[in-house]
PDB file of N, CA and C in Angstrom:
ATOM      1  N   MET A   1       0.840  -1.183   0.000  1.00  0.00           N
ATOM      2  CA  MET A   1       0.000   0.000   0.000  1.00  0.00           C
ATOM      3  C   MET A   1       0.882   1.242   0.000  1.00  0.00           C
ATOM      4  N   PRO A   2       0.574   2.201  -0.851  1.00  0.00           N
ATOM      5  CA  PRO A   2       1.319   3.458  -0.803  1.00  0.00           C
ATOM      6  C   PRO A   2       0.971   4.245   0.453  1.00  0.00           C
ATOM      7  N   THR A   3       1.902   5.080   0.868  1.00  0.00           N
ATOM      8  CA  THR A   3       1.676   5.927   2.034  1.00  0.00           C
ATOM      9  C   THR A   3       1.821   7.383   1.638  1.00  0.00           C
ATOM     10  N   GLY A   4       1.337   8.252   2.495  1.00  0.00           N
ATOM     11  CA  GLY A   4       1.444   9.682   2.245  1.00  0.00           C
ATOM     12  C   GLY A   4       0.959  10.473   3.432  1.00  0.00           C
ATOM     13  N   ARG A   5       0.819  11.769   3.217  1.00  0.00           N
ATOM     14  CA  ARG A   5       0.386  12.673   4.273  1.00  0.00           C
ATOM     15  C   ARG A   5      -0.760  13.524   3.725  1.00  0.00           C
ATOM     16  N   VAL A   6      -1.766  13.750   4.569  1.00  0.00           N
ATOM     17  CA  VAL A   6      -2.907  14.564   4.161  1.00  0.00           C
ATOM     18  C   VAL A   6      -2.432  16.011   4.041  1.00  0.00           C
ATOM     19  N   LYS A   7      -2.531  16.543   2.837  1.00  0.00           N
ATOM     20  CA  LYS A   7      -2.137  17.930   2.590  1.00  0.00           C
ATOM     21  C   LYS A   7      -3.207  18.862   3.133  1.00  0.00           C
ATOM     22  N   VAL A   8      -4.440  18.613   2.742  1.00  0.00           N
ATOM     23  CA  VAL A   8      -5.570  19.410   3.230  1.00  0.00           C
ATOM     24  C   VAL A   8      -6.824  18.551   3.102  1.00  0.00           C
ATOM     25  N   PHE A   9      -7.743  18.696   4.068  1.00  0.00           N
ATOM     26  CA  PHE A   9      -9.012  17.990   3.994  1.00  0.00           C
ATOM     27  C   PHE A   9     -10.102  18.931   4.469  1.00  0.00           C
ATOM     28  N   HIS A  10     -11.062  19.192   3.607  1.00  0.00           N
ATOM     29  CA  HIS A  10     -12.174  20.083   3.910  1.00  0.00           C
ATOM     30  C   HIS A  10     -13.338  19.239   4.438  1.00  0.00           C
ATOM     31  N   THR A  11     -13.582  19.315   5.734  1.00  0.00           N
ATOM     32  CA  THR A  11     -14.642  18.509   6.341  1.00  0.00           C
ATOM     33  C   THR A  11     -16.026  18.977   5.911  1.00  0.00           C
ATOM     34  N   ASP A  12     -16.173  20.285   5.659  1.00  0.00           N
ATOM     35  CA  ASP A  12     -17.485  20.787   5.253  1.00  0.00           C
ATOM     36  C   ASP A  12     -17.847  20.333   3.842  1.00  0.00           C
ATOM     37  N   SER A  13     -16.861  20.212   2.954  1.00  0.00           N
ATOM     38  CA  SER A  13     -17.111  19.759   1.578  1.00  0.00           C
ATOM     39  C   SER A  13     -16.838  18.268   1.400  1.00  0.00           C
ATOM     40  N   ASN A  14     -16.207  17.656   2.395  1.00  0.00           N
ATOM     41  CA  ASN A  14     -15.954  16.212   2.416  1.00  0.00           C
ATOM     42  C   ASN A  14     -15.025  15.745   1.292  1.00  0.00           C
ATOM     43  N   TYR A  15     -13.932  16.479   1.078  1.00  0.00           N
ATOM     44  CA  TYR A  15     -12.905  16.048   0.135  1.00  0.00           C
ATOM     45  C   TYR A  15     -11.572  16.666   0.549  1.00  0.00           C
ATOM     46  N   GLY A  16     -10.492  16.164  -0.043  1.00  0.00           N
ATOM     47  CA  GLY A  16      -9.181  16.710   0.261  1.00  0.00           C
ATOM     48  C   GLY A  16      -8.129  16.155  -0.675  1.00  0.00           C
ATOM     49  N   PHE A  17      -6.869  16.389  -0.326  1.00  0.00           N
ATOM     50  CA  PHE A  17      -5.750  15.937  -1.135  1.00  0.00           C
ATOM     51  C   PHE A  17      -4.682  15.322  -0.249  1.00  0.00           C
ATOM     52  N   ILE A  18      -4.035  14.294  -0.788  1.00  0.00           N
ATOM     53  CA  ILE A  18      -2.962  13.597  -0.096  1.00  0.00           C
ATOM     54  C   ILE A  18      -1.690  13.783  -0.901  1.00  0.00           C
ATOM     55  N   THR A  19      -0.590  14.121  -0.222  1.00  0.00           N
ATOM     56  CA  THR A  19       0.708  14.175  -0.868  1.00  0.00           C
ATOM     57  C   THR A  19       1.343  12.803  -0.707  1.00  0.00           C
ATOM     58  N   THR A  20       1.639  12.147  -1.827  1.00  0.00           N
ATOM     59  CA  THR A  20       2.198  10.795  -1.783  1.00  0.00           C
ATOM     60  C   THR A  20       3.681  10.855  -1.466  1.00  0.00           C
ATOM     61  N   GLU A  21       4.248   9.717  -1.093  1.00  0.00           N
ATOM     62  CA  GLU A  21       5.660   9.677  -0.718  1.00  0.00           C
ATOM     63  C   GLU A  21       6.590   9.976  -1.894  1.00  0.00           C
ATOM     64  N   ASP A  22       6.117   9.802  -3.126  1.00  0.00           N
ATOM     65  CA  ASP A  22       6.951  10.109  -4.287  1.00  0.00           C
ATOM     66  C   ASP A  22       6.779  11.555  -4.745  1.00  0.00           C
ATOM     67  N   GLY A  23       6.016  12.366  -4.002  1.00  0.00           N
ATOM     68  CA  GLY A  23       5.856  13.779  -4.313  1.00  0.00           C
ATOM     69  C   GLY A  23       4.625  14.106  -5.122  1.00  0.00           C
ATOM     70  N   GLY A  24       3.868  13.110  -5.540  1.00  0.00           N
ATOM     71  CA  GLY A  24       2.639  13.355  -6.293  1.00  0.00           C
ATOM     72  C   GLY A  24       1.502  13.761  -5.383  1.00  0.00           C
ATOM     73  N   GLU A  25       0.352  13.954  -5.988  1.00  0.00           N
ATOM     74  CA  GLU A  25      -0.818  14.357  -5.232  1.00  0.00           C
ATOM     75  C   GLU A  25      -2.008  13.503  -5.652  1.00  0.00           C
ATOM     76  N   ALA A  26      -2.809  13.101  -4.682  1.00  0.00           N
ATOM     77  CA  ALA A  26      -3.981  12.279  -4.960  1.00  0.00           C
ATOM     78  C   ALA A  26      -5.207  12.913  -4.313  1.00  0.00           C
ATOM     79  N   TYR A  27      -6.313  12.886  -5.039  1.00  0.00           N
ATOM     80  CA  TYR A  27      -7.595  13.386  -4.542  1.00  0.00           C
ATOM     81  C   TYR A  27      -8.204  12.324  -3.635  1.00  0.00           C
ATOM     82  N   VAL A  28      -8.833  12.752  -2.546  1.00  0.00           N
ATOM     83  CA  VAL A  28      -9.514  11.803  -1.663  1.00  0.00           C
ATOM     84  C   VAL A  28     -10.900  12.352  -1.324  1.00  0.00           C
ATOM     85  N   ALA A  29     -11.899  11.510  -1.529  1.00  0.00           N
ATOM     86  CA  ALA A  29     -13.270  11.856  -1.146  1.00  0.00           C
ATOM     87  C   ALA A  29     -13.517  11.345   0.265  1.00  0.00           C
ATOM     88  N   GLY A  30     -14.399  11.998   0.974  1.00  0.00           N
ATOM     89  CA  GLY A  30     -14.698  11.607   2.345  1.00  0.00           C
ATOM     90  C   GLY A  30     -15.263  10.200   2.456  1.00  0.00           C
ATOM     91  N   THR A  31     -15.906   9.713   1.392  1.00  0.00           N
ATOM     92  CA  THR A  31     -16.470   8.368   1.408  1.00  0.00           C
ATOM     93  C   THR A  31     -15.394   7.299   1.266  1.00  0.00           C
ATOM     94  N   ALA A  32     -14.177   7.675   0.860  1.00  0.00           N
ATOM     95  CA  ALA A  32     -13.091   6.713   0.689  1.00  0.00           C
ATOM     96  C   ALA A  32     -12.315   6.470   1.979  1.00  0.00           C
ATOM     97  N   VAL A  33     -12.641   7.190   3.036  1.00  0.00           N
ATOM     98  CA  VAL A  33     -11.942   7.059   4.315  1.00  0.00           C
ATOM     99  C   VAL A  33     -12.562   5.917   5.102  1.00  0.00           C
ATOM    100  N   THR A  34     -11.729   4.930   5.474  1.00  0.00           N
ATOM    101  CA  THR A  34     -12.240   3.771   6.201  1.00  0.00           C
ATOM    102  C   THR A  34     -12.092   3.899   7.710  1.00  0.00           C
ATOM    103  N   SER A  35     -11.226   4.811   8.169  1.00  0.00           N
ATOM    104  CA  SER A  35     -11.011   4.923   9.614  1.00  0.00           C
ATOM    105  C   SER A  35     -11.235   6.351  10.083  1.00  0.00           C
ATOM    106  N   GLY A  36     -12.392   6.635  10.605  1.00  0.00           N
ATOM    107  CA  GLY A  36     -12.678   7.944  11.188  1.00  0.00           C
ATOM    108  C   GLY A  36     -12.674   9.082  10.187  1.00  0.00           C
ATOM    109  N   THR A  37     -12.129  10.205  10.617  1.00  0.00           N
ATOM    110  CA  THR A  37     -12.051  11.378   9.761  1.00  0.00           C
ATOM    111  C   THR A  37     -10.594  11.740   9.523  1.00  0.00           C
ATOM    112  N   LEU A  38     -10.352  12.494   8.462  1.00  0.00           N
ATOM    113  CA  LEU A  38      -9.002  12.936   8.145  1.00  0.00           C
ATOM    114  C   LEU A  38      -8.795  14.362   8.624  1.00  0.00           C
ATOM    115  N   ASN A  39      -7.583  14.638   9.059  1.00  0.00           N
ATOM    116  CA  ASN A  39      -7.174  15.984   9.431  1.00  0.00           C
ATOM    117  C   ASN A  39      -5.895  16.303   8.673  1.00  0.00           C
ATOM    118  N   SER A  40      -5.653  17.565   8.411  1.00  0.00           N
ATOM    119  CA  SER A  40      -4.436  17.962   7.720  1.00  0.00           C
ATOM    120  C   SER A  40      -3.218  17.530   8.537  1.00  0.00           C
ATOM    121  N   GLY A  41      -2.268  16.892   7.872  1.00  0.00           N
ATOM    122  CA  GLY A  41      -1.045  16.431   8.527  1.00  0.00           C
ATOM    123  C   GLY A  41      -1.049  14.967   8.920  1.00  0.00           C
ATOM    124  N   ASP A  42      -2.196  14.274   8.846  1.00  0.00           N
ATOM    125  CA  ASP A  42      -2.255  12.848   9.190  1.00  0.00           C
ATOM    126  C   ASP A  42      -1.433  12.032   8.196  1.00  0.00           C
ATOM    127  N   GLU A  43      -0.732  11.021   8.700  1.00  0.00           N
ATOM    128  CA  GLU A  43      -0.053  10.070   7.826  1.00  0.00           C
ATOM    129  C   GLU A  43      -1.042   8.952   7.526  1.00  0.00           C
ATOM    130  N   VAL A  44      -1.144   8.578   6.245  1.00  0.00           N
ATOM    131  CA  VAL A  44      -2.165   7.630   5.825  1.00  0.00           C
ATOM    132  C   VAL A  44      -1.601   6.581   4.888  1.00  0.00           C
ATOM    133  N   GLU A  45      -2.311   5.457   4.800  1.00  0.00           N
ATOM    134  CA  GLU A  45      -2.087   4.422   3.796  1.00  0.00           C
ATOM    135  C   GLU A  45      -3.329   4.394   2.925  1.00  0.00           C
ATOM    136  N   PHE A  46      -3.147   4.120   1.638  1.00  0.00           N
ATOM    137  CA  PHE A  46      -4.285   4.158   0.727  1.00  0.00           C
ATOM    138  C   PHE A  46      -3.992   3.325  -0.509  1.00  0.00           C
ATOM    139  N   GLU A  47      -5.017   3.109  -1.299  1.00  0.00           N
ATOM    140  CA  GLU A  47      -4.901   2.459  -2.601  1.00  0.00           C
ATOM    141  C   GLU A  47      -5.141   3.525  -3.661  1.00  0.00           C
ATOM    142  N   ILE A  48      -4.524   3.338  -4.823  1.00  0.00           N
ATOM    143  CA  ILE A  48      -4.719   4.268  -5.930  1.00  0.00           C
ATOM    144  C   ILE A  48      -5.809   3.717  -6.836  1.00  0.00           C
ATOM    145  N   GLY A  49      -6.792   4.564  -7.127  1.00  0.00           N
ATOM    146  CA  GLY A  49      -7.892   4.171  -7.997  1.00  0.00           C
ATOM    147  C   GLY A  49      -7.909   4.996  -9.272  1.00  0.00           C
ATOM    148  N   GLU A  50      -8.903   4.725 -10.099  1.00  0.00           N
ATOM    149  CA  GLU A  50      -9.056   5.437 -11.365  1.00  0.00           C
ATOM    150  C   GLU A  50      -9.753   6.768 -11.125  1.00  0.00           C
ATOM    151  N   GLY A  51      -9.278   7.812 -11.788  1.00  0.00           N
ATOM    152  CA  GLY A  51      -9.889   9.131 -11.670  1.00  0.00           C
ATOM    153  C   GLY A  51     -10.122   9.725 -13.043  1.00  0.00           C
ATOM    154  N   GLU A  52     -10.697  10.901 -13.057  1.00  0.00           N
ATOM    155  CA  GLU A  52     -10.923  11.588 -14.323  1.00  0.00           C
ATOM    156  C   GLU A  52      -9.594  12.106 -14.863  1.00  0.00           C
ATOM    157  N   GLY A  53      -9.340  11.879 -16.118  1.00  0.00           N
ATOM    158  CA  GLY A  53      -8.105  12.365 -16.733  1.00  0.00           C
ATOM    159  C   GLY A  53      -6.888  11.708 -16.118  1.00  0.00           C
ATOM    160  N   ARG A  54      -5.897  12.537 -15.777  1.00  0.00           N
ATOM    161  CA  ARG A  54      -4.659  12.008 -15.199  1.00  0.00           C
ATOM    162  C   ARG A  54      -4.637  12.127 -13.680  1.00  0.00           C
ATOM    163  N   ARG A  55      -5.730  12.529 -13.074  1.00  0.00           N
ATOM    164  CA  ARG A  55      -5.776  12.690 -11.620  1.00  0.00           C
ATOM    165  C   ARG A  55      -5.770  11.341 -10.924  1.00  0.00           C
ATOM    166  N   GLN A  56      -4.926  11.225  -9.899  1.00  0.00           N
ATOM    167  CA  GLN A  56      -4.924  10.018  -9.078  1.00  0.00           C
ATOM    168  C   GLN A  56      -5.989  10.178  -8.003  1.00  0.00           C
ATOM    169  N   VAL A  57      -6.673   9.093  -7.705  1.00  0.00           N
ATOM    170  CA  VAL A  57      -7.709   9.104  -6.674  1.00  0.00           C
ATOM    171  C   VAL A  57      -7.337   8.087  -5.606  1.00  0.00           C
ATOM    172  N   ALA A  58      -7.354   8.507  -4.347  1.00  0.00           N
ATOM    173  CA  ALA A  58      -7.048   7.612  -3.239  1.00  0.00           C
ATOM    174  C   ALA A  58      -8.329   6.932  -2.771  1.00  0.00           C
ATOM    175  N   THR A  59      -8.251   5.620  -2.591  1.00  0.00           N
ATOM    176  CA  THR A  59      -9.383   4.852  -2.063  1.00  0.00           C
ATOM    177  C   THR A  59      -8.905   4.041  -0.870  1.00  0.00           C
ATOM    178  N   ASP A  60      -9.802   3.546  -0.061  1.00  0.00           N
ATOM    179  CA  ASP A  60      -9.477   2.760   1.135  1.00  0.00           C
ATOM    180  C   ASP A  60      -8.418   3.455   1.987  1.00  0.00           C
ATOM    181  N   VAL A  61      -8.658   4.692   2.330  1.00  0.00           N
ATOM    182  CA  VAL A  61      -7.702   5.501   3.095  1.00  0.00           C
ATOM    183  C   VAL A  61      -7.799   5.147   4.570  1.00  0.00           C
ATOM    184  N   THR A  62      -6.653   4.823   5.172  1.00  0.00           N
ATOM    185  CA  THR A  62      -6.582   4.473   6.584  1.00  0.00           C
ATOM    186  C   THR A  62      -5.521   5.340   7.257  1.00  0.00           C
ATOM    187  N   VAL A  63      -5.860   5.954   8.380  1.00  0.00           N
ATOM    188  CA  VAL A  63      -4.915   6.787   9.122  1.00  0.00           C
ATOM    189  C   VAL A  63      -3.951   5.878   9.881  1.00  0.00           C
ATOM    190  N   THR A  64      -2.636   6.047   9.647  1.00  0.00           N
ATOM    191  CA  THR A  64      -1.638   5.265  10.365  1.00  0.00           C
ATOM    192  C   THR A  64      -1.051   6.042  11.535  1.00  0.00           C
ATOM    193  N   LYS A  65      -0.939   7.364  11.386  1.00  0.00           N
ATOM    194  CA  LYS A  65      -0.411   8.200  12.460  1.00  0.00           C
ATOM    195  C   LYS A  65      -1.125   9.548  12.422  1.00  0.00           C
ATOM    196  N   PRO A  66      -1.974   9.827  13.417  1.00  0.00           N
ATOM    197  CA  PRO A  66      -2.693  11.107  13.410  1.00  0.00           C
ATOM    198  C   PRO A  66      -1.743  12.279  13.669  1.00  0.00           C
ATOM    199  N   ALA A  67      -2.102  13.427  13.141  1.00  0.00           N
ATOM    200  CA  ALA A  67      -1.327  14.649  13.353  1.00  0.00           C
ATOM    201  C   ALA A  67      -1.563  15.163  14.766  1.00  0.00           C
ATOM    202  N   PRO A  68      -0.615  15.911  15.311  1.00  0.00           N
ATOM    203  CA  PRO A  68      -0.836  16.513  16.638  1.00  0.00           C
ATOM    204  C   PRO A  68      -2.069  17.410  16.625  1.00  0.00           C
ATOM    205  N   ALA A  69      -2.688  17.572  17.772  1.00  0.00           N
ATOM    206  CA  ALA A  69      -3.935  18.342  17.859  1.00  0.00           C
ATOM    207  C   ALA A  69      -3.742  19.801  17.463  1.00  0.00           C
ATOM    208  N   ALA A  70      -2.631  20.404  17.826  1.00  0.00           N
ATOM    209  CA  ALA A  70      -2.383  21.815  17.512  1.00  0.00           C
ATOM    210  C   ALA A  70      -1.480  21.934  16.289  1.00  0.00           C
ATOM    211  N   ASN A  71      -1.788  21.183  15.249  1.00  0.00           N
ATOM    212  CA  ASN A  71      -0.954  21.137  14.055  1.00  0.00           C
ATOM    213  C   ASN A  71      -1.345  22.228  13.067  1.00  0.00           C
ATOM    214  N   PRO A  72      -0.474  23.218  12.829  1.00  0.00           N
ATOM    215  CA  PRO A  72      -0.824  24.255  11.871  1.00  0.00           C
ATOM    216  C   PRO A  72      -0.540  23.856  10.426  1.00  0.00           C
ATOM    217  N   VAL A  73       0.197  22.788  10.192  1.00  0.00           N
ATOM    218  CA  VAL A  73       0.537  22.271   8.866  1.00  0.00           C
ATOM    219  C   VAL A  73       1.103  23.367   7.968  1.00  0.00           C
ATOM    220  N   GLY A  74       2.094  24.069   8.454  1.00  0.00           N
ATOM    221  CA  GLY A  74       2.771  25.054   7.645  1.00  0.00           C
ATOM    222  C   GLY A  74       1.988  26.316   7.370  1.00  0.00           C
ATOM    223  N   ARG A  75       0.867  26.476   7.991  1.00  0.00           N
ATOM    224  CA  ARG A  75       0.054  27.665   7.751  1.00  0.00           C
ATOM    225  C   ARG A  75       0.066  28.583   8.967  1.00  0.00           C
ATOM    226  N   THR A  76       1.214  28.775   9.549  1.00  0.00           N
ATOM    227  CA  THR A  76       1.307  29.633  10.713  1.00  0.00           C
ATOM    228  C   THR A  76       1.229  31.077  10.264  1.00  0.00           C
ATOM    229  N   MET A  77       0.231  31.754  10.714  1.00  0.00           N
ATOM    230  CA  MET A  77       0.054  33.158  10.346  1.00  0.00           C
ATOM    231  C   MET A  77       0.067  34.008  11.598  1.00  0.00           C
ATOM    232  N   ALA A  78       0.854  35.069  11.557  1.00  0.00           N
ATOM    233  CA  ALA A  78       0.885  35.997  12.676  1.00  0.00           C
ATOM    234  C   ALA A  78      -0.319  36.931  12.579  1.00  0.00           C
ATOM    235  N   ASN A  79      -0.705  37.476  13.699  1.00  0.00           N
ATOM    236  CA  ASN A  79      -1.780  38.460  13.684  1.00  0.00           C
ATOM    237  C   ASN A  79      -1.315  39.682  12.907  1.00  0.00           C
ATOM    238  N   PRO A  80      -2.192  40.316  12.167  1.00  0.00           N
ATOM    239  CA  PRO A  80      -1.795  41.515  11.430  1.00  0.00           C
ATOM    240  C   PRO A  80      -1.426  42.633  12.402  1.00  0.00           C
ATOM    241  N   PRO A  81      -0.517  43.521  11.987  1.00  0.00           N
ATOM    242  CA  PRO A  81      -0.140  44.611  12.891  1.00  0.00           C
ATOM    243  C   PRO A  81      -1.299  45.582  13.093  1.00  0.00           C
ATOM    244  N   SER A  82      -1.278  46.234  14.218  1.00  0.00           N
ATOM    245  CA  SER A  82      -2.336  47.209  14.496  1.00  0.00           C
ATOM    246  C   SER A  82      -2.105  48.466  13.655  1.00  0.00           C
ATOM    247  N   TRP A  83      -3.128  49.287  13.574  1.00  0.00           N
ATOM    248  CA  TRP A  83      -3.017  50.522  12.803  1.00  0.00           C
ATOM    249  C   TRP A  83      -1.935  51.426  13.395  1.00  0.00           C
ATOM    250  N   ASP A  84      -1.861  51.489  14.715  1.00  0.00           N
ATOM    251  CA  ASP A  84      -0.845  52.312  15.366  1.00  0.00           C
ATOM    252  C   ASP A  84       0.563  51.816  15.035  1.00  0.00           C
ATOM    253  N   ALA A  85       0.748  50.506  15.007  1.00  0.00           N
ATOM    254  CA  ALA A  85       2.062  49.948  14.674  1.00  0.00           C
ATOM    255  C   ALA A  85       2.445  50.274  13.229  1.00  0.00           C
ATOM    256  N   LEU A  86       1.483  50.228  12.320  1.00  0.00           N
ATOM    257  CA  LEU A  86       1.764  50.581  10.927  1.00  0.00           C
ATOM    258  C   LEU A  86       2.139  52.052  10.791  1.00  0.00           C
ATOM    259  N   GLU A  87       1.409  52.925  11.504  1.00  0.00           N
ATOM    260  CA  GLU A  87       1.737  54.350  11.461  1.00  0.00           C
ATOM    261  C   GLU A  87       3.118  54.627  12.043  1.00  0.00           C
ATOM    262  N   GLU A  88       3.453  53.952  13.130  1.00  0.00           N
ATOM    263  CA  GLU A  88       4.779  54.133  13.743  1.00  0.00           C
ATOM    264  C   GLU A  88       5.881  53.654  12.803  1.00  0.00           C
ATOM    265  N   ARG A  89       5.677  52.551  12.139  1.00  0.00           N
ATOM    266  CA  ARG A  89       6.654  52.029  11.179  1.00  0.00           C
ATOM    267  C   ARG A  89       6.862  53.015  10.026  1.00  0.00           C
ATOM    268  N   GLU A  90       5.772  53.586   9.537  1.00  0.00           N
ATOM    269  CA  GLU A  90       5.870  54.573   8.460  1.00  0.00           C
ATOM    270  C   GLU A  90       6.578  55.835   8.943  1.00  0.00           C
ATOM    271  N   ARG A  91       6.295  56.276  10.166  1.00  0.00           N
ATOM    272  CA  ARG A  91       6.960  57.448  10.730  1.00  0.00           C
ATOM    273  C   ARG A  91       8.452  57.215  10.867  1.00  0.00           C
ATOM    274  N   GLN A  92       8.854  56.023  11.328  1.00  0.00           N
ATOM    275  CA  GLN A  92      10.275  55.681  11.454  1.00  0.00           C
ATOM    276  C   GLN A  92      10.946  55.657  10.083  1.00  0.00           C
ATOM    277  N   ARG A  93      10.257  55.144   9.073  1.00  0.00           N
ATOM    278  CA  ARG A  93      10.812  55.092   7.723  1.00  0.00           C
ATOM    279  C   ARG A  93      11.051  56.495   7.180  1.00  0.00           C
ATOM    280  N   ARG A  94      10.085  57.397   7.399  1.00  0.00           N
ATOM    281  CA  ARG A  94      10.230  58.778   6.931  1.00  0.00           C
ATOM    282  C   ARG A  94      11.372  59.493   7.639  1.00  0.00           C
ATOM    283  N   MET A  95      11.521  59.269   8.954  1.00  0.00           N
ATOM    284  CA  MET A  95      12.608  59.907   9.691  1.00  0.00           C
ATOM    285  C   MET A  95      13.960  59.417   9.202  1.00  0.00           C
ATOM    286  N   ALA A  96      14.078  58.138   8.957  1.00  0.00           N
ATOM    287  CA  ALA A  96      15.340  57.588   8.449  1.00  0.00           C
ATOM    288  C   ALA A  96      15.651  58.157   7.061  1.00  0.00           C
ATOM    289  N   ARG A  97      14.640  58.338   6.287  1.00  0.00           N
ATOM    290  CA  ARG A  97      14.834  58.893   4.941  1.00  0.00           C
ATOM    291  C   ARG A  97      15.322  60.347   5.018  1.00  0.00           C
ATOM    292  N   ARG A  98      14.756  61.138   5.947  1.00  0.00           N
ATOM    293  CA  ARG A  98      15.199  62.529   6.123  1.00  0.00           C
ATOM    294  C   ARG A  98      16.642  62.596   6.606  1.00  0.00           C
ATOM    295  N   ARG A  99      17.039  61.681   7.491  1.00  0.00           N
ATOM    296  CA  ARG A  99      18.412  61.680   7.997  1.00  0.00           C
ATOM    297  C   ARG A  99      19.421  61.381   6.902  1.00  0.00           C
ATOM    298  N   ARG A 100      19.027  60.595   5.911  1.00  0.00           N
ATOM    299  CA  ARG A 100      19.943  60.233   4.829  1.00  0.00           C
ATOM    300  C   ARG A 100      20.179  61.396   3.873  1.00  0.00           C
ATOM    301  N   ARG A 101      19.267  62.354   3.824  1.00  0.00           N
ATOM    302  CA  ARG A 101      19.406  63.481   2.879  1.00  0.00           C
ATOM    303  C   ARG A 101      20.477  64.422   3.270  1.00  0.00           C
TER     304      ARG A 101
END
């Protein structure tokens, strides 16, 4: 059985994508999951099925190692700066520019 990692899984739409160990990508429908639900970052085993065109489709998907509960899966985003912080940054930039003249 090929293995891979869940790249993203949309629970509301019930589909997602798996990154295979060889670097490819396979589509997975929620009905193809045999063990519970999928979360982004889970390590899985699956079978490759027929899909439309050249798309690979994962079937009989089984979770072998669940992702940690607080797994951001590479999507760590900082909070946007406040308006005051942006104004202060712009003020500092203007002052530095005046000093260079």
